[in-house]
PDB file of N, CA and C in Angstrom:
ATOM      1  N   THR A   1     -27.449  -1.361  13.223  1.00  0.00           N
ATOM      2  CA  THR A   1     -26.802  -0.344  12.332  1.00  0.00           C
ATOM      3  C   THR A   1     -25.101  -1.138  12.989  1.00  0.00           C
ATOM      4  N   GLN A   2     -24.487  -0.642  12.262  1.00  0.00           N
ATOM      5  CA  GLN A   2     -22.876  -0.244  12.063  1.00  0.00           C
ATOM      6  C   GLN A   2     -22.384   1.616  12.275  1.00  0.00           C
ATOM      7  N   SER A   3     -21.739   1.716  12.858  1.00  0.00           N
ATOM      8  CA  SER A   3     -20.595   2.789  12.278  1.00  0.00           C
ATOM      9  C   SER A   3     -19.791   3.021  13.021  1.00  0.00           C
ATOM     10  N   LEU A   4     -18.857   3.086  11.675  1.00  0.00           N
ATOM     11  CA  LEU A   4     -17.518   3.191  11.757  1.00  0.00           C
ATOM     12  C   LEU A   4     -17.078   4.857  10.741  1.00  0.00           C
ATOM     13  N   CYS A   5     -15.989   5.012  12.251  1.00  0.00           N
ATOM     14  CA  CYS A   5     -15.085   6.052  12.011  1.00  0.00           C
ATOM     15  C   CYS A   5     -13.847   6.113  12.600  1.00  0.00           C
ATOM     16  N   CYS A   6     -13.504   6.780  11.462  1.00  0.00           N
ATOM     17  CA  CYS A   6     -11.897   7.488  11.630  1.00  0.00           C
ATOM     18  C   CYS A   6     -11.650   8.659  11.623  1.00  0.00           C
ATOM     19  N   ARG A   7     -10.005   8.281  12.742  1.00  0.00           N
ATOM     20  CA  ARG A   7      -9.488   9.633  13.115  1.00  0.00           C
ATOM     21  C   ARG A   7      -8.325   9.597  12.600  1.00  0.00           C
ATOM     22  N   LEU A   8      -7.971  11.216  11.685  1.00  0.00           N
ATOM     23  CA  LEU A   8      -5.884  11.177  12.008  1.00  0.00           C
ATOM     24  C   LEU A   8      -5.821  12.033  11.450  1.00  0.00           C
ATOM     25  N   GLY A   9      -3.945  12.308  12.047  1.00  0.00           N
ATOM     26  CA  GLY A   9      -4.145  13.810  12.343  1.00  0.00           C
ATOM     27  C   GLY A   9      -2.603  13.466  12.921  1.00  0.00           C
ATOM     28  N   CYS A  10      -2.049  14.955  13.252  1.00  0.00           N
ATOM     29  CA  CYS A  10      -0.647  14.564  13.811  1.00  0.00           C
ATOM     30  C   CYS A  10      -0.504  15.964  14.880  1.00  0.00           C
ATOM     31  N   GLN A  11       0.550  15.531  15.605  1.00  0.00           N
ATOM     32  CA  GLN A  11       0.528  16.644  16.525  1.00  0.00           C
ATOM     33  C   GLN A  11       2.334  17.215  16.592  1.00  0.00           C
ATOM     34  N   LEU A  12       2.921  18.220  16.555  1.00  0.00           N
ATOM     35  CA  LEU A  12       4.096  19.157  16.897  1.00  0.00           C
ATOM     36  C   LEU A  12       4.352  19.007  17.950  1.00  0.00           C
ATOM     37  N   PHE A  13       5.081  18.940  18.591  1.00  0.00           N
ATOM     38  CA  PHE A  13       5.233  19.187  19.945  1.00  0.00           C
ATOM     39  C   PHE A  13       6.540  20.610  20.616  1.00  0.00           C
ATOM     40  N   PRO A  14       6.468  21.365  21.332  1.00  0.00           N
ATOM     41  CA  PRO A  14       7.517  21.944  21.775  1.00  0.00           C
ATOM     42  C   PRO A  14       8.617  21.784  21.609  1.00  0.00           C
ATOM     43  N   ASN A  15       9.553  20.658  21.632  1.00  0.00           N
ATOM     44  CA  ASN A  15      10.189  20.281  20.900  1.00  0.00           C
ATOM     45  C   ASN A  15      11.158  19.620  19.982  1.00  0.00           C
ATOM     46  N   GLY A  16      10.144  19.748  19.309  1.00  0.00           N
ATOM     47  CA  GLY A  16      10.236  20.307  17.590  1.00  0.00           C
ATOM     48  C   GLY A  16      10.146  18.549  17.291  1.00  0.00           C
ATOM     49  N   THR A  17       9.739  17.396  18.279  1.00  0.00           N
ATOM     50  CA  THR A  17       9.262  16.103  17.357  1.00  0.00           C
ATOM     51  C   THR A  17       7.852  15.921  17.108  1.00  0.00           C
ATOM     52  N   ALA A  18       7.374  15.054  16.602  1.00  0.00           N
ATOM     53  CA  ALA A  18       5.676  14.697  16.106  1.00  0.00           C
ATOM     54  C   ALA A  18       5.546  13.711  16.406  1.00  0.00           C
ATOM     55  N   HIS A  19       4.238  13.682  16.512  1.00  0.00           N
ATOM     56  CA  HIS A  19       3.144  12.259  16.583  1.00  0.00           C
ATOM     57  C   HIS A  19       2.110  12.434  15.344  1.00  0.00           C
ATOM     58  N   SER A  20       2.463  10.591  14.314  1.00  0.00           N
ATOM     59  CA  SER A  20       1.494  10.645  14.137  1.00  0.00           C
ATOM     60  C   SER A  20       0.294   9.904  13.933  1.00  0.00           C
ATOM     61  N   PHE A  21      -1.062   9.492  13.602  1.00  0.00           N
ATOM     62  CA  PHE A  21      -1.870   8.954  14.162  1.00  0.00           C
ATOM     63  C   PHE A  21      -3.059   8.722  12.760  1.00  0.00           C
ATOM     64  N   TYR A  22      -3.507   6.927  12.640  1.00  0.00           N
ATOM     65  CA  TYR A  22      -4.977   6.873  12.600  1.00  0.00           C
ATOM     66  C   TYR A  22      -5.598   6.161  12.894  1.00  0.00           C
ATOM     67  N   GLU A  23      -6.836   5.955  13.371  1.00  0.00           N
ATOM     68  CA  GLU A  23      -7.024   5.504  14.353  1.00  0.00           C
ATOM     69  C   GLU A  23      -8.827   4.592  13.698  1.00  0.00           C
ATOM     70  N   VAL A  24      -9.191   4.115  14.101  1.00  0.00           N
ATOM     71  CA  VAL A  24     -10.388   3.316  12.919  1.00  0.00           C
ATOM     72  C   VAL A  24     -11.383   2.735  14.622  1.00  0.00           C
ATOM     73  N   THR A  25     -12.971   3.081  14.465  1.00  0.00           N
ATOM     74  CA  THR A  25     -13.054   2.576  15.748  1.00  0.00           C
ATOM     75  C   THR A  25     -14.576   1.963  14.719  1.00  0.00           C
ATOM     76  N   LEU A  26     -15.189   0.900  15.593  1.00  0.00           N
ATOM     77  CA  LEU A  26     -16.458   0.666  14.342  1.00  0.00           C
ATOM     78  C   LEU A  26     -16.712   0.522  16.146  1.00  0.00           C
ATOM     79  N   ASN A  27     -18.299   0.929  15.986  1.00  0.00           N
ATOM     80  CA  ASN A  27     -19.383   0.932  16.814  1.00  0.00           C
ATOM     81  C   ASN A  27     -18.454   1.545  18.186  1.00  0.00           C
ATOM     82  N   GLY A  28     -17.404   2.221  18.299  1.00  0.00           N
ATOM     83  CA  GLY A  28     -16.815   3.018  19.131  1.00  0.00           C
ATOM     84  C   GLY A  28     -15.927   2.561  20.039  1.00  0.00           C
ATOM     85  N   THR A  29     -15.912   1.240  19.135  1.00  0.00           N
ATOM     86  CA  THR A  29     -14.913   0.653  20.248  1.00  0.00           C
ATOM     87  C   THR A  29     -13.652   0.654  18.924  1.00  0.00           C
ATOM     88  N   ALA A  30     -12.268   0.482  19.577  1.00  0.00           N
ATOM     89  CA  ALA A  30     -11.023   0.434  18.340  1.00  0.00           C
ATOM     90  C   ALA A  30     -10.771  -0.822  17.331  1.00  0.00           C
ATOM     91  N   PHE A  31     -10.950  -0.649  16.560  1.00  0.00           N
ATOM     92  CA  PHE A  31     -11.294  -1.412  16.049  1.00  0.00           C
ATOM     93  C   PHE A  31      -9.788  -1.830  14.770  1.00  0.00           C
ATOM     94  N   LEU A  32      -8.861  -0.932  14.252  1.00  0.00           N
ATOM     95  CA  LEU A  32      -7.879  -0.693  13.093  1.00  0.00           C
ATOM     96  C   LEU A  32      -6.923   0.741  14.155  1.00  0.00           C
ATOM     97  N   THR A  33      -5.815   0.002  13.410  1.00  0.00           N
ATOM     98  CA  THR A  33      -4.628   1.244  13.961  1.00  0.00           C
ATOM     99  C   THR A  33      -3.939   1.344  12.384  1.00  0.00           C
ATOM    100  N   PHE A  34      -3.527   2.413  12.585  1.00  0.00           N
ATOM    101  CA  PHE A  34      -2.492   3.066  11.726  1.00  0.00           C
ATOM    102  C   PHE A  34      -1.007   2.852  12.090  1.00  0.00           C
ATOM    103  N   HIS A  35       0.038   1.456  12.403  1.00  0.00           N
ATOM    104  CA  HIS A  35       1.032   1.950  12.580  1.00  0.00           C
ATOM    105  C   HIS A  35       1.733   3.057  11.855  1.00  0.00           C
ATOM    106  N   VAL A  36       2.716   4.466  11.402  1.00  0.00           N
ATOM    107  CA  VAL A  36       2.977   5.028  10.677  1.00  0.00           C
ATOM    108  C   VAL A  36       4.199   4.961  10.630  1.00  0.00           C
ATOM    109  N   PRO A  37       5.142   4.747  11.698  1.00  0.00           N
ATOM    110  CA  PRO A  37       7.148   4.411  11.178  1.00  0.00           C
ATOM    111  C   PRO A  37       6.484   3.008  10.530  1.00  0.00           C
ATOM    112  N   THR A  38       5.536   2.018  10.115  1.00  0.00           N
ATOM    113  CA  THR A  38       6.650   1.015   9.222  1.00  0.00           C
ATOM    114  C   THR A  38       5.742   0.398   8.340  1.00  0.00           C
ATOM    115  N   ALA A  39       4.293   2.250   8.061  1.00  0.00           N
ATOM    116  CA  ALA A  39       2.833   1.770   7.285  1.00  0.00           C
ATOM    117  C   ALA A  39       2.527   0.580   7.290  1.00  0.00           C
ATOM    118  N   THR A  40       2.035  -0.380   9.112  1.00  0.00           N
ATOM    119  CA  THR A  40       1.333  -1.182   9.161  1.00  0.00           C
ATOM    120  C   THR A  40       0.536  -1.358   9.555  1.00  0.00           C
ATOM    121  N   TRP A  41      -1.037  -1.494   8.882  1.00  0.00           N
ATOM    122  CA  TRP A  41      -2.978  -1.735   9.708  1.00  0.00           C
ATOM    123  C   TRP A  41      -2.567  -2.955  11.216  1.00  0.00           C
ATOM    124  N   GLU A  42      -2.892  -2.488  11.597  1.00  0.00           N
ATOM    125  CA  GLU A  42      -2.333  -3.020  13.253  1.00  0.00           C
ATOM    126  C   GLU A  42      -4.519  -2.962  13.647  1.00  0.00           C
ATOM    127  N   ARG A  43      -4.268  -4.856  14.405  1.00  0.00           N
ATOM    128  CA  ARG A  43      -6.200  -5.141  14.814  1.00  0.00           C
ATOM    129  C   ARG A  43      -5.727  -3.954  16.126  1.00  0.00           C
ATOM    130  N   ARG A  44      -6.653  -3.365  16.674  1.00  0.00           N
ATOM    131  CA  ARG A  44      -7.345  -3.340  17.920  1.00  0.00           C
ATOM    132  C   ARG A  44      -8.570  -4.235  18.454  1.00  0.00           C
ATOM    133  N   TRP A  45      -9.080  -4.670  17.843  1.00  0.00           N
ATOM    134  CA  TRP A  45     -10.561  -5.151  18.300  1.00  0.00           C
ATOM    135  C   TRP A  45     -10.290  -6.028  19.361  1.00  0.00           C
ATOM    136  N   PRO A  46     -11.220  -6.501  20.714  1.00  0.00           N
ATOM    137  CA  PRO A  46     -10.589  -6.431  21.769  1.00  0.00           C
ATOM    138  C   PRO A  46     -10.288  -8.002  21.707  1.00  0.00           C
ATOM    139  N   ARG A  47     -11.274  -9.124  20.585  1.00  0.00           N
ATOM    140  CA  ARG A  47     -11.528 -10.236  20.627  1.00  0.00           C
ATOM    141  C   ARG A  47     -10.952 -11.000  19.551  1.00  0.00           C
ATOM    142  N   GLY A  48     -10.709 -11.777  19.115  1.00  0.00           N
ATOM    143  CA  GLY A  48     -10.829 -12.206  18.325  1.00  0.00           C
ATOM    144  C   GLY A  48     -11.134 -11.986  16.622  1.00  0.00           C
ATOM    145  N   ASP A  49     -11.935 -11.527  15.870  1.00  0.00           N
ATOM    146  CA  ASP A  49     -12.999 -11.340  15.112  1.00  0.00           C
ATOM    147  C   ASP A  49     -12.675 -11.292  14.215  1.00  0.00           C
ATOM    148  N   ALA A  50     -13.452 -12.279  12.690  1.00  0.00           N
ATOM    149  CA  ALA A  50     -12.268 -12.486  11.209  1.00  0.00           C
ATOM    150  C   ALA A  50     -12.656 -11.490  10.743  1.00  0.00           C
ATOM    151  N   VAL A  51     -13.737  -9.725  11.203  1.00  0.00           N
ATOM    152  CA  VAL A  51     -14.063  -8.804  10.706  1.00  0.00           C
ATOM    153  C   VAL A  51     -12.880  -8.303  10.316  1.00  0.00           C
ATOM    154  N   ALA A  52     -12.059  -7.818  11.550  1.00  0.00           N
ATOM    155  CA  ALA A  52     -11.355  -7.266  12.054  1.00  0.00           C
ATOM    156  C   ALA A  52     -10.153  -7.769  11.117  1.00  0.00           C
ATOM    157  N   SER A  53      -9.599  -9.556  11.230  1.00  0.00           N
ATOM    158  CA  SER A  53      -8.522  -9.790  10.453  1.00  0.00           C
ATOM    159  C   SER A  53      -8.762  -9.597   8.919  1.00  0.00           C
ATOM    160  N   PHE A  54     -10.169  -9.616   8.569  1.00  0.00           N
ATOM    161  CA  PHE A  54     -10.422  -9.682   6.736  1.00  0.00           C
ATOM    162  C   PHE A  54      -9.642  -8.114   6.547  1.00  0.00           C
ATOM    163  N   ALA A  55     -10.233  -7.470   7.176  1.00  0.00           N
ATOM    164  CA  ALA A  55     -10.144  -6.123   7.329  1.00  0.00           C
ATOM    165  C   ALA A  55      -8.602  -5.956   6.937  1.00  0.00           C
ATOM    166  N   GLN A  56      -7.782  -6.047   8.405  1.00  0.00           N
ATOM    167  CA  GLN A  56      -6.367  -5.835   7.943  1.00  0.00           C
ATOM    168  C   GLN A  56      -5.564  -6.147   6.843  1.00  0.00           C
ATOM    169  N   ARG A  57      -5.573  -7.442   6.212  1.00  0.00           N
ATOM    170  CA  ARG A  57      -5.636  -8.040   5.031  1.00  0.00           C
ATOM    171  C   ARG A  57      -5.801  -7.340   4.248  1.00  0.00           C
ATOM    172  N   GLU A  58      -6.605  -7.450   4.165  1.00  0.00           N
ATOM    173  CA  GLU A  58      -7.696  -6.412   2.413  1.00  0.00           C
ATOM    174  C   GLU A  58      -6.761  -5.058   2.924  1.00  0.00           C
ATOM    175  N   LEU A  59      -6.154  -3.819   3.443  1.00  0.00           N
ATOM    176  CA  LEU A  59      -5.868  -2.691   3.740  1.00  0.00           C
ATOM    177  C   LEU A  59      -3.879  -2.802   3.602  1.00  0.00           C
ATOM    178  N   MET A  60      -3.963  -4.042   3.634  1.00  0.00           N
ATOM    179  CA  MET A  60      -2.492  -4.218   3.684  1.00  0.00           C
ATOM    180  C   MET A  60      -2.028  -4.654   1.997  1.00  0.00           C
ATOM    181  N   LYS A  61      -3.498  -5.511   1.329  1.00  0.00           N
ATOM    182  CA  LYS A  61      -2.792  -5.640  -0.189  1.00  0.00           C
ATOM    183  C   LYS A  61      -2.081  -4.426  -0.937  1.00  0.00           C
ATOM    184  N   TYR A  62      -2.545  -3.094  -0.391  1.00  0.00           N
ATOM    185  CA  TYR A  62      -2.715  -1.816  -0.765  1.00  0.00           C
ATOM    186  C   TYR A  62      -1.292  -1.149  -1.107  1.00  0.00           C
ATOM    187  N   PRO A  63      -0.230  -2.121  -0.810  1.00  0.00           N
ATOM    188  CA  PRO A  63       1.494  -1.150  -0.640  1.00  0.00           C
ATOM    189  C   PRO A  63       1.652   0.171  -0.655  1.00  0.00           C
ATOM    190  N   LYS A  64       1.327   0.851  -2.273  1.00  0.00           N
ATOM    191  CA  LYS A  64       1.024   1.689  -2.179  1.00  0.00           C
ATOM    192  C   LYS A  64       0.765   3.112  -2.089  1.00  0.00           C
ATOM    193  N   THR A  65      -0.516   2.799  -1.296  1.00  0.00           N
ATOM    194  CA  THR A  65      -1.878   3.436  -0.895  1.00  0.00           C
ATOM    195  C   THR A  65      -1.618   2.930   1.053  1.00  0.00           C
ATOM    196  N   THR A  66      -0.624   1.675   1.495  1.00  0.00           N
ATOM    197  CA  THR A  66       0.127   2.627   2.854  1.00  0.00           C
ATOM    198  C   THR A  66       1.256   3.962   2.503  1.00  0.00           C
ATOM    199  N   GLN A  67       1.788   3.402   1.133  1.00  0.00           N
ATOM    200  CA  GLN A  67       3.310   4.111   1.556  1.00  0.00           C
ATOM    201  C   GLN A  67       2.211   5.856   1.065  1.00  0.00           C
ATOM    202  N   ASP A  68       1.295   5.561   0.862  1.00  0.00           N
ATOM    203  CA  ASP A  68       1.164   7.312   0.587  1.00  0.00           C
ATOM    204  C   ASP A  68       0.602   8.017   2.029  1.00  0.00           C
ATOM    205  N   LEU A  69      -0.046   6.681   2.846  1.00  0.00           N
ATOM    206  CA  LEU A  69      -0.676   6.843   4.557  1.00  0.00           C
ATOM    207  C   LEU A  69       0.338   7.880   4.628  1.00  0.00           C
ATOM    208  N   GLN A  70       1.690   7.021   4.597  1.00  0.00           N
ATOM    209  CA  GLN A  70       2.583   7.103   5.504  1.00  0.00           C
ATOM    210  C   GLN A  70       2.723   8.175   5.021  1.00  0.00           C
ATOM    211  N   HIS A  71       3.500   8.710   3.820  1.00  0.00           N
ATOM    212  CA  HIS A  71       3.939   9.921   3.754  1.00  0.00           C
ATOM    213  C   HIS A  71       3.065  10.794   4.169  1.00  0.00           C
ATOM    214  N   PHE A  72       1.955  11.314   3.752  1.00  0.00           N
ATOM    215  CA  PHE A  72       0.884  12.112   4.085  1.00  0.00           C
ATOM    216  C   PHE A  72       0.727  12.077   5.711  1.00  0.00           C
ATOM    217  N   LEU A  73       1.244  11.421   6.187  1.00  0.00           N
ATOM    218  CA  LEU A  73       1.074  11.648   8.251  1.00  0.00           C
ATOM    219  C   LEU A  73       2.412  12.166   8.598  1.00  0.00           C
ATOM    220  N   ASN A  74       3.664  11.387   8.396  1.00  0.00           N
ATOM    221  CA  ASN A  74       4.781  12.246   8.337  1.00  0.00           C
ATOM    222  C   ASN A  74       5.012  12.916   7.505  1.00  0.00           C
ATOM    223  N   THR A  75       4.857  13.058   6.441  1.00  0.00           N
ATOM    224  CA  THR A  75       5.823  15.004   5.981  1.00  0.00           C
ATOM    225  C   THR A  75       4.316  15.647   5.591  1.00  0.00           C
ATOM    226  N   THR A  76       3.377  15.653   4.962  1.00  0.00           N
ATOM    227  CA  THR A  76       2.220  16.584   4.651  1.00  0.00           C
ATOM    228  C   THR A  76       1.689  17.211   6.105  1.00  0.00           C
ATOM    229  N   CYS A  77       0.872  15.931   6.242  1.00  0.00           N
ATOM    230  CA  CYS A  77       0.236  16.704   8.054  1.00  0.00           C
ATOM    231  C   CYS A  77       1.476  17.318   9.201  1.00  0.00           C
ATOM    232  N   VAL A  78       2.233  16.811   9.080  1.00  0.00           N
ATOM    233  CA  VAL A  78       3.267  17.267   9.831  1.00  0.00           C
ATOM    234  C   VAL A  78       4.035  19.327   9.567  1.00  0.00           C
ATOM    235  N   GLY A  79       4.375  18.601   8.078  1.00  0.00           N
ATOM    236  CA  GLY A  79       4.763  20.143   7.475  1.00  0.00           C
ATOM    237  C   GLY A  79       4.285  21.319   7.616  1.00  0.00           C
ATOM    238  N   ILE A  80       2.233  20.792   7.814  1.00  0.00           N
ATOM    239  CA  ILE A  80       1.292  21.949   7.321  1.00  0.00           C
ATOM    240  C   ILE A  80       1.252  22.804   8.867  1.00  0.00           C
ATOM    241  N   LEU A  81       1.957  21.577  10.288  1.00  0.00           N
ATOM    242  CA  LEU A  81       1.575  22.600  11.334  1.00  0.00           C
ATOM    243  C   LEU A  81       2.860  23.007  11.532  1.00  0.00           C
ATOM    244  N   ARG A  82       4.074  22.354  11.009  1.00  0.00           N
ATOM    245  CA  ARG A  82       5.389  23.044  10.626  1.00  0.00           C
ATOM    246  C   ARG A  82       5.408  24.802  10.537  1.00  0.00           C
ATOM    247  N   ALA A  83       4.708  24.260   9.140  1.00  0.00           N
ATOM    248  CA  ALA A  83       4.087  25.772   8.615  1.00  0.00           C
ATOM    249  C   ALA A  83       3.955  26.728   9.868  1.00  0.00           C
ATOM    250  N   GLN A  84       3.161  26.391  10.194  1.00  0.00           N
ATOM    251  CA  GLN A  84       1.643  27.465  10.696  1.00  0.00           C
ATOM    252  C   GLN A  84       2.198  27.790  11.894  1.00  0.00           C
ATOM    253  N   SER A  85       2.475  27.087  12.461  1.00  0.00           N
ATOM    254  CA  SER A  85       3.770  27.114  13.840  1.00  0.00           C
ATOM    255  C   SER A  85       4.509  28.160  13.204  1.00  0.00           C
ATOM    256  N   ALA A  86       5.533  28.472  12.279  1.00  0.00           N
ATOM    257  CA  ALA A  86       6.723  29.443  12.151  1.00  0.00           C
ATOM    258  C   ALA A  86       5.307  30.926  11.808  1.00  0.00           C
ATOM    259  N   GLY A  87       4.314  30.314  11.496  1.00  0.00           N
ATOM    260  CA  GLY A  87       4.290  31.485  10.856  1.00  0.00           C
ATOM    261  C   GLY A  87       3.444  32.150  11.293  1.00  0.00           C
ATOM    262  N   THR A  88       3.057  31.288  13.364  1.00  0.00           N
ATOM    263  CA  THR A  88       1.854  32.299  14.745  1.00  0.00           C
ATOM    264  C   THR A  88       3.067  32.317  15.105  1.00  0.00           C
ATOM    265  N   GLY A  89       4.354  31.898  15.214  1.00  0.00           N
ATOM    266  CA  GLY A  89       5.050  32.298  16.279  1.00  0.00           C
ATOM    267  C   GLY A  89       4.857  31.143  17.157  1.00  0.00           C
ATOM    268  N   LYS A  90       4.188  30.034  17.461  1.00  0.00           N
ATOM    269  CA  LYS A  90       3.895  28.934  18.544  1.00  0.00           C
ATOM    270  C   LYS A  90       3.309  28.697  18.013  1.00  0.00           C
ATOM    271  N   GLN A  91       3.765  27.424  18.467  1.00  0.00           N
ATOM    272  CA  GLN A  91       3.086  25.853  17.788  1.00  0.00           C
ATOM    273  C   GLN A  91       1.752  25.571  18.951  1.00  0.00           C
ATOM    274  N   SER A  92       0.908  24.655  17.616  1.00  0.00           N
ATOM    275  CA  SER A  92      -0.844  24.826  18.935  1.00  0.00           C
ATOM    276  C   SER A  92      -0.521  23.053  17.916  1.00  0.00           C
ATOM    277  N   SER A  93      -1.466  22.888  18.714  1.00  0.00           N
ATOM    278  CA  SER A  93      -1.980  21.380  17.900  1.00  0.00           C
ATOM    279  C   SER A  93      -3.187  21.245  17.081  1.00  0.00           C
ATOM    280  N   ARG A  94      -4.120  22.708  17.579  1.00  0.00           N
ATOM    281  CA  ARG A  94      -5.605  22.790  17.150  1.00  0.00           C
ATOM    282  C   ARG A  94      -5.306  22.382  15.479  1.00  0.00           C
ATOM    283  N   SER A  95      -6.321  21.991  14.845  1.00  0.00           N
ATOM    284  CA  SER A  95      -6.487  22.150  13.291  1.00  0.00           C
ATOM    285  C   SER A  95      -7.385  23.397  12.930  1.00  0.00           C
ATOM    286  N   HIS A  96      -7.248  24.181  12.385  1.00  0.00           N
ATOM    287  CA  HIS A  96      -7.278  25.244  11.278  1.00  0.00           C
ATOM    288  C   HIS A  96      -7.726  24.564   9.579  1.00  0.00           C
ATOM    289  N   ALA A  97      -8.161  24.899   8.734  1.00  0.00           N
ATOM    290  CA  ALA A  97      -8.941  25.113   7.709  1.00  0.00           C
ATOM    291  C   ALA A  97      -7.380  23.982   7.022  1.00  0.00           C
ATOM    292  N   PRO A  98      -6.719  24.928   6.315  1.00  0.00           N
ATOM    293  CA  PRO A  98      -5.889  24.454   5.502  1.00  0.00           C
ATOM    294  C   PRO A  98      -5.676  22.824   5.887  1.00  0.00           C
ATOM    295  N   LEU A  99      -5.434  22.791   7.892  1.00  0.00           N
ATOM    296  CA  LEU A  99      -4.833  21.450   7.645  1.00  0.00           C
ATOM    297  C   LEU A  99      -6.494  19.986   7.909  1.00  0.00           C
ATOM    298  N   VAL A 100      -7.112  20.703   8.348  1.00  0.00           N
ATOM    299  CA  VAL A 100      -8.732  20.239   8.024  1.00  0.00           C
ATOM    300  C   VAL A 100      -9.262  20.016   6.686  1.00  0.00           C
ATOM    301  N   LEU A 101      -8.516  20.549   5.316  1.00  0.00           N
ATOM    302  CA  LEU A 101      -8.795  20.193   3.853  1.00  0.00           C
ATOM    303  C   LEU A 101      -7.719  19.130   3.095  1.00  0.00           C
ATOM    304  N   GLY A 102      -6.042  19.102   3.676  1.00  0.00           N
ATOM    305  CA  GLY A 102      -6.140  17.932   3.518  1.00  0.00           C
ATOM    306  C   GLY A 102      -6.278  16.861   4.736  1.00  0.00           C
ATOM    307  N   LEU A 103      -6.472  17.124   5.819  1.00  0.00           N
ATOM    308  CA  LEU A 103      -6.814  15.374   6.151  1.00  0.00           C
ATOM    309  C   LEU A 103      -8.420  14.896   5.937  1.00  0.00           C
ATOM    310  N   ILE A 104      -8.909  15.756   5.332  1.00  0.00           N
ATOM    311  CA  ILE A 104      -9.650  15.602   4.246  1.00  0.00           C
ATOM    312  C   ILE A 104     -10.161  14.689   3.526  1.00  0.00           C
ATOM    313  N   LEU A 105      -9.137  15.886   2.555  1.00  0.00           N
ATOM    314  CA  LEU A 105      -9.151  14.765   0.970  1.00  0.00           C
ATOM    315  C   LEU A 105      -7.935  13.376   1.485  1.00  0.00           C
ATOM    316  N   GLY A 106      -7.216  13.730   2.303  1.00  0.00           N
ATOM    317  CA  GLY A 106      -6.446  12.714   2.713  1.00  0.00           C
ATOM    318  C   GLY A 106      -7.173  11.216   3.248  1.00  0.00           C
ATOM    319  N   THR A 107      -8.685  11.138   3.760  1.00  0.00           N
ATOM    320  CA  THR A 107      -8.589  10.975   3.778  1.00  0.00           C
ATOM    321  C   THR A 107      -9.933   9.813   3.073  1.00  0.00           C
ATOM    322  N   ILE A 108     -10.307  10.334   2.112  1.00  0.00           N
ATOM    323  CA  ILE A 108     -11.616   9.843   0.859  1.00  0.00           C
ATOM    324  C   ILE A 108     -10.972   8.850   0.177  1.00  0.00           C
ATOM    325  N   ALA A 109     -10.278   8.379  -0.593  1.00  0.00           N
ATOM    326  CA  ALA A 109      -9.543   7.438  -0.399  1.00  0.00           C
ATOM    327  C   ALA A 109     -10.079   6.447   0.153  1.00  0.00           C
ATOM    328  N   LEU A 110      -9.074   6.053   1.276  1.00  0.00           N
ATOM    329  CA  LEU A 110      -9.043   4.901   2.379  1.00  0.00           C
ATOM    330  C   LEU A 110     -10.619   4.605   2.931  1.00  0.00           C
ATOM    331  N   LEU A 111     -11.272   5.850   3.241  1.00  0.00           N
ATOM    332  CA  LEU A 111     -12.389   5.639   3.977  1.00  0.00           C
ATOM    333  C   LEU A 111     -13.901   5.026   3.329  1.00  0.00           C
ATOM    334  N   GLY A 112     -13.049   5.273   1.771  1.00  0.00           N
ATOM    335  CA  GLY A 112     -14.186   4.580   0.182  1.00  0.00           C
ATOM    336  C   GLY A 112     -13.514   3.016   0.559  1.00  0.00           C
ATOM    337  N   MET A 113     -12.464   2.665   0.482  1.00  0.00           N
ATOM    338  CA  MET A 113     -12.178   1.343   0.715  1.00  0.00           C
ATOM    339  C   MET A 113     -12.727   0.641   2.413  1.00  0.00           C
ATOM    340  N   ALA A 114     -12.970   1.712   3.147  1.00  0.00           N
ATOM    341  CA  ALA A 114     -13.142   0.642   3.987  1.00  0.00           C
ATOM    342  C   ALA A 114     -14.592   0.489   4.330  1.00  0.00           C
ATOM    343  N   VAL A 115     -14.964   1.319   3.983  1.00  0.00           N
ATOM    344  CA  VAL A 115     -16.664   1.380   3.898  1.00  0.00           C
ATOM    345  C   VAL A 115     -16.759   0.499   2.733  1.00  0.00           C
ATOM    346  N   GLY A 116     -15.928   0.009   1.851  1.00  0.00           N
ATOM    347  CA  GLY A 116     -16.451  -0.729   0.783  1.00  0.00           C
ATOM    348  C   GLY A 116     -15.923  -2.242   1.296  1.00  0.00           C
ATOM    349  N   ILE A 117     -14.889  -2.413   2.464  1.00  0.00           N
ATOM    350  CA  ILE A 117     -14.216  -3.702   3.140  1.00  0.00           C
ATOM    351  C   ILE A 117     -15.072  -3.915   3.753  1.00  0.00           C
ATOM    352  N   PHE A 118     -16.475  -3.690   4.327  1.00  0.00           N
ATOM    353  CA  PHE A 118     -17.210  -3.636   5.585  1.00  0.00           C
ATOM    354  C   PHE A 118     -18.677  -3.839   4.908  1.00  0.00           C
ATOM    355  N   LEU A 119     -18.956  -3.489   3.481  1.00  0.00           N
ATOM    356  CA  LEU A 119     -20.555  -3.298   3.369  1.00  0.00           C
ATOM    357  C   LEU A 119     -20.393  -5.261   2.565  1.00  0.00           C
ATOM    358  N   CYS A 120     -19.166  -5.119   1.875  1.00  0.00           N
ATOM    359  CA  CYS A 120     -18.690  -6.428   1.381  1.00  0.00           C
ATOM    360  C   CYS A 120     -18.929  -7.650   2.142  1.00  0.00           C
ATOM    361  N   THR A 121     -18.471  -7.961   3.343  1.00  0.00           N
ATOM    362  CA  THR A 121     -18.255  -8.186   4.215  1.00  0.00           C
ATOM    363  C   THR A 121     -19.060  -8.864   4.986  1.00  0.00           C
ATOM    364  N   GLY A 122     -20.725  -7.613   4.964  1.00  0.00           N
ATOM    365  CA  GLY A 122     -21.701  -7.627   5.466  1.00  0.00           C
ATOM    366  C   GLY A 122     -22.816  -7.963   4.466  1.00  0.00           C
ATOM    367  N   GLY A 123     -22.242  -9.093   3.617  1.00  0.00           N
ATOM    368  CA  GLY A 123     -22.674  -9.452   2.328  1.00  0.00           C
ATOM    369  C   GLY A 123     -24.010  -9.025   1.877  1.00  0.00           C
ATOM    370  N   SER A 124     -23.499  -7.474   1.824  1.00  0.00           N
ATOM    371  CA  SER A 124     -24.706  -6.527   0.481  1.00  0.00           C
ATOM    372  C   SER A 124     -23.955  -6.075  -1.070  1.00  0.00           C
ATOM    373  N   CYS A 125     -22.284  -7.354  -1.124  1.00  0.00           N
ATOM    374  CA  CYS A 125     -22.055  -7.182  -2.534  1.00  0.00           C
ATOM    375  C   CYS A 125     -22.003  -8.644  -3.070  1.00  0.00           C
TER     376      CYS A 125
END
């Protein structure tokens, strides 16, 4: 059994700066991360693994998808937090329904692609 988990989101700090992230773990170990400023996938697997290299190479074949993910994390996600903090009068890193919905919709395409890659590398395709 393989467990692939994706975690993405953004944080808004009191000084107005923001940090966005997308992390993928495989069986609880860091596998890939998305470097938001450069819109690139980086391997985090602790050893030189062919699966991690393959997944990184395959994800980088889709520049439109990586640019869309970069835009979502830098603009949409941060914009939702800024609008939310303006409405409440304080900044919060907690997710609420609109942010959760946006994050879920933003990950569906990438999660489907990642699952497909891992199914194919496991010999199921």
